[in-house]
Protein backbone atom coordinates (compact mmCIF):
# COMPACT_ATOMS: atom_id res chain seq x y z
CA MET A 1 27.03 19.27 -7.35
CA SER A 2 24.83 21.01 -5.12
CA ARG A 3 24.66 24.94 -6.09
CA ILE A 4 24.05 25.64 -2.73
CA GLY A 5 25.99 23.23 -1.00
CA LYS A 6 29.31 24.53 -2.60
CA GLN A 7 28.34 28.39 -0.63
CA PRO A 8 30.67 28.83 1.95
CA VAL A 9 28.87 29.73 5.29
CA VAL A 10 30.03 33.12 6.08
CA ILE A 11 30.88 33.48 10.58
CA PRO A 12 28.78 36.25 11.59
CA SER A 13 31.00 38.26 14.22
CA GLY A 14 30.62 37.44 17.85
CA VAL A 15 30.00 33.46 17.33
CA GLN A 16 32.16 30.78 17.92
CA VAL A 17 32.42 27.64 15.65
CA LYS A 18 33.78 24.23 16.26
CA LEU A 19 34.35 21.21 14.50
CA ASP A 20 33.42 17.98 16.63
CA SER A 21 33.19 14.40 15.40
CA GLY A 22 30.40 14.75 13.16
CA ALA A 23 28.97 17.91 14.04
CA VAL A 24 29.33 21.76 13.58
CA THR A 25 28.70 23.33 17.40
CA ALA A 26 28.01 27.15 17.58
CA LYS A 27 28.25 29.49 20.09
CA GLY A 28 26.79 33.11 20.24
CA PRO A 29 24.86 36.16 22.11
CA LYS A 30 21.63 33.74 21.82
CA GLY A 31 22.76 30.74 22.79
CA GLU A 32 25.08 27.16 21.49
CA LEU A 33 23.35 24.63 18.88
CA ARG A 34 24.70 22.15 17.62
CA GLU A 35 24.06 20.85 13.72
CA PRO A 36 25.42 16.80 13.28
CA LEU A 37 26.65 16.25 9.91
CA HIS A 38 25.60 13.49 7.73
CA PRO A 39 28.23 10.78 6.74
CA TYR A 40 28.49 11.83 2.98
CA VAL A 41 29.48 15.46 4.57
CA LYS A 42 32.22 16.45 5.82
CA ALA A 43 33.25 20.71 7.17
CA GLU A 44 36.24 22.39 7.66
CA ILE A 45 36.70 26.52 8.24
CA LYS A 46 38.74 28.50 6.23
CA ASP A 47 38.88 32.10 6.85
CA GLY A 48 35.91 33.06 8.91
CA ARG A 49 33.96 30.86 6.98
CA VAL A 50 32.59 26.87 7.26
CA LEU A 51 32.94 24.96 3.86
CA LEU A 52 31.46 22.02 3.79
CA THR A 53 32.35 19.36 0.94
CA ALA A 54 30.53 16.17 -0.32
CA ASP A 55 31.33 12.60 -2.07
CA VAL A 56 28.41 13.11 -4.53
CA ALA A 57 29.80 9.94 -6.27
CA ALA A 58 29.01 7.89 -3.25
CA ALA A 59 24.95 7.76 -3.17
CA ARG A 60 22.74 9.45 -5.43
CA ASP A 61 20.98 11.90 -2.88
CA ALA A 62 24.80 12.89 -1.70
CA ALA A 63 23.90 16.00 -3.50
CA ALA A 64 20.92 16.84 -1.97
CA VAL A 65 22.08 16.18 1.24
CA TRP A 66 25.08 18.47 1.07
CA GLY A 67 22.82 21.14 0.17
CA MET A 68 20.32 20.71 2.80
CA THR A 69 23.08 20.19 5.39
CA ARG A 70 24.71 23.70 4.26
CA ALA A 71 21.49 25.28 4.59
CA ARG A 72 20.97 23.64 8.11
CA VAL A 73 24.38 25.08 9.63
CA ASN A 74 23.82 27.99 7.96
CA ASN A 75 20.26 28.66 9.84
CA ALA A 76 22.52 27.30 13.46
CA LEU A 77 24.51 29.91 12.92
CA GLN A 78 22.36 32.96 12.14
CA GLY A 79 20.40 31.76 15.02
CA VAL A 80 23.13 32.01 17.40
CA ALA A 81 23.90 35.47 16.04
CA SER A 82 20.40 37.43 15.60
CA GLY A 83 18.07 34.91 16.27
CA TYR A 84 14.67 33.76 14.63
CA ALA A 85 11.24 34.69 15.28
CA LYS A 86 7.29 34.16 14.50
CA ALA A 87 4.66 36.39 15.46
CA LEU A 88 0.62 35.37 15.51
CA GLU A 89 -2.29 36.60 15.48
CA VAL A 90 -5.27 36.00 17.68
CA HIS A 91 -8.61 36.76 16.44
CA GLY A 92 -12.13 36.71 17.55
CA LEU A 93 -14.27 37.87 19.94
CA GLY A 94 -13.26 37.43 23.64
CA PHE A 95 -9.89 35.44 22.22
CA ARG A 96 -6.73 36.44 24.13
CA ALA A 97 -3.25 35.15 24.91
CA GLU A 98 -1.58 35.32 28.59
CA VAL A 99 2.07 33.96 29.23
CA ALA A 100 3.19 33.45 32.77
CA GLY A 101 6.91 31.79 32.35
CA GLN A 102 7.25 28.87 30.28
CA THR A 103 3.43 28.24 30.15
CA LEU A 104 0.86 30.29 27.19
CA THR A 105 -2.39 30.30 28.45
CA LEU A 106 -5.24 31.27 25.81
CA ALA A 107 -8.91 31.66 25.98
CA LEU A 108 -10.20 30.38 22.45
CA GLY A 109 -13.78 30.31 23.08
CA ARG A 110 -14.07 27.12 24.63
CA SER A 111 -15.51 26.28 27.58
CA HIS A 112 -11.67 25.54 29.30
CA PRO A 113 -8.77 27.58 29.00
CA VAL A 114 -5.70 26.02 26.92
CA VAL A 115 -2.64 25.76 28.50
CA PHE A 116 0.53 25.32 25.93
CA ALA A 117 3.65 24.44 27.86
CA VAL A 118 6.22 26.39 25.82
CA PRO A 119 9.72 23.90 25.59
CA LYS A 120 12.94 24.64 25.93
CA GLY A 121 15.09 27.30 23.84
CA VAL A 122 11.80 28.97 22.63
CA SER A 123 10.34 31.93 24.17
CA VAL A 124 7.34 33.47 24.09
CA ALA A 125 6.10 36.89 24.35
CA VAL A 126 2.36 38.55 24.25
CA ASP A 127 1.32 42.40 23.61
CA ALA A 128 -0.61 44.63 25.63
CA LYS A 129 -3.76 44.05 24.19
CA ARG A 130 -2.94 40.03 24.24
CA THR A 131 -3.89 38.87 20.25
CA LEU A 132 -0.34 39.10 19.32
CA ILE A 133 1.59 36.69 20.36
CA THR A 134 5.49 36.51 19.47
CA VAL A 135 7.73 33.05 19.61
CA SER A 136 11.12 33.58 19.67
CA GLY A 137 14.70 31.98 20.00
CA PRO A 138 17.90 30.85 18.49
CA ASP A 139 16.81 27.31 16.93
CA LYS A 140 14.84 27.87 13.54
CA ASP A 141 13.35 24.66 13.61
CA LEU A 142 12.31 24.71 17.85
CA VAL A 143 10.92 28.60 16.67
CA GLY A 144 8.54 26.99 13.56
CA GLU A 145 7.72 24.21 14.95
CA THR A 146 6.17 25.98 18.35
CA ALA A 147 3.96 28.33 16.40
CA ALA A 148 2.98 25.60 14.28
CA LYS A 149 1.76 23.97 17.53
CA ILE A 150 0.42 27.15 19.07
CA ARG A 151 -1.83 28.25 15.64
CA GLY A 152 -2.87 24.72 15.62
CA LEU A 153 -4.67 25.26 18.87
CA ARG A 154 -7.44 27.21 17.03
CA LYS A 155 -6.85 26.91 13.40
CA PRO A 156 -8.40 30.45 11.57
CA GLU A 157 -11.57 29.27 10.22
CA PRO A 158 -12.73 29.95 6.88
CA TYR A 159 -16.70 32.22 7.75
CA LYS A 160 -15.68 34.21 10.29
CA GLY A 161 -12.18 34.41 10.57
CA THR A 162 -11.73 33.41 14.22
CA GLY A 163 -8.70 31.49 15.49
CA ILE A 164 -4.67 31.76 15.92
CA ARG A 165 -3.07 33.17 12.13
CA TYR A 166 0.53 33.91 11.46
CA GLN A 167 1.11 37.68 11.30
CA GLY A 168 0.14 38.73 7.98
CA GLU A 169 -1.39 35.44 6.68
CA TYR A 170 -4.67 35.39 3.87
CA VAL A 171 -7.20 33.60 4.95
CA ARG A 172 -9.50 32.76 2.15
CA ARG A 173 -13.46 33.62 3.11
CA LYS A 174 -16.21 31.95 2.70
CA ALA A 175 -19.84 32.82 2.20
CA GLY A 176 -22.55 31.46 4.43
CA LYS A 177 -26.03 30.08 4.32
CA THR A 178 -27.81 32.19 1.98
CA ALA A 179 -31.80 32.98 2.80
CA ALA A 180 -34.48 29.59 2.71
CA GLY A 181 -35.81 29.31 -0.87
CA ALA A 182 -32.55 30.31 -2.81
CA GLY A 183 -30.04 28.24 -3.60
CA ALA A 184 -30.03 24.15 -5.17
CA GLY A 185 -31.58 22.66 -1.86
CA GLY A 186 -35.07 25.46 -0.61
CA LYS A 187 -38.40 24.82 -1.27
CA LYS A 188 -40.23 26.91 -3.19
């Protein structure tokens, strides 16, 4: 029995939900998302809620699939209602970001600007200081994946702390090299 799977998913106001063959389609102010259902899981709409049921006796992993499917349907409904956002900070001397349409251009200390094509369904905004990137959209998976790819262009390094990091992310700093003569390998 899945404790998460058996909880009903409340449909937010302003969101329309349809059950297609093997999928839940949600339409709201932020867009439209379609979440396919696993063959073990069945869905029905009752009293403004989506109820998911699974045949747990069919397979060993049916309970896990049931809980995951419920979480993904909930993410889709919340996404089309209010959307998701991730904020990234750009740290480093001369490091900055600019956005033009669906293209994000980053100066990351390389000899050339790094150009990142923003996927469809995700919007990217940059603040006035050009050091804060906000990735937003209705699809939680796509927003998180896009933010991770942008961060991967220049991960924060532990010596100076420069690079792209999530807002509020703690970067563990390391001590740099010590003076010659001190330490295990130094000459006496």
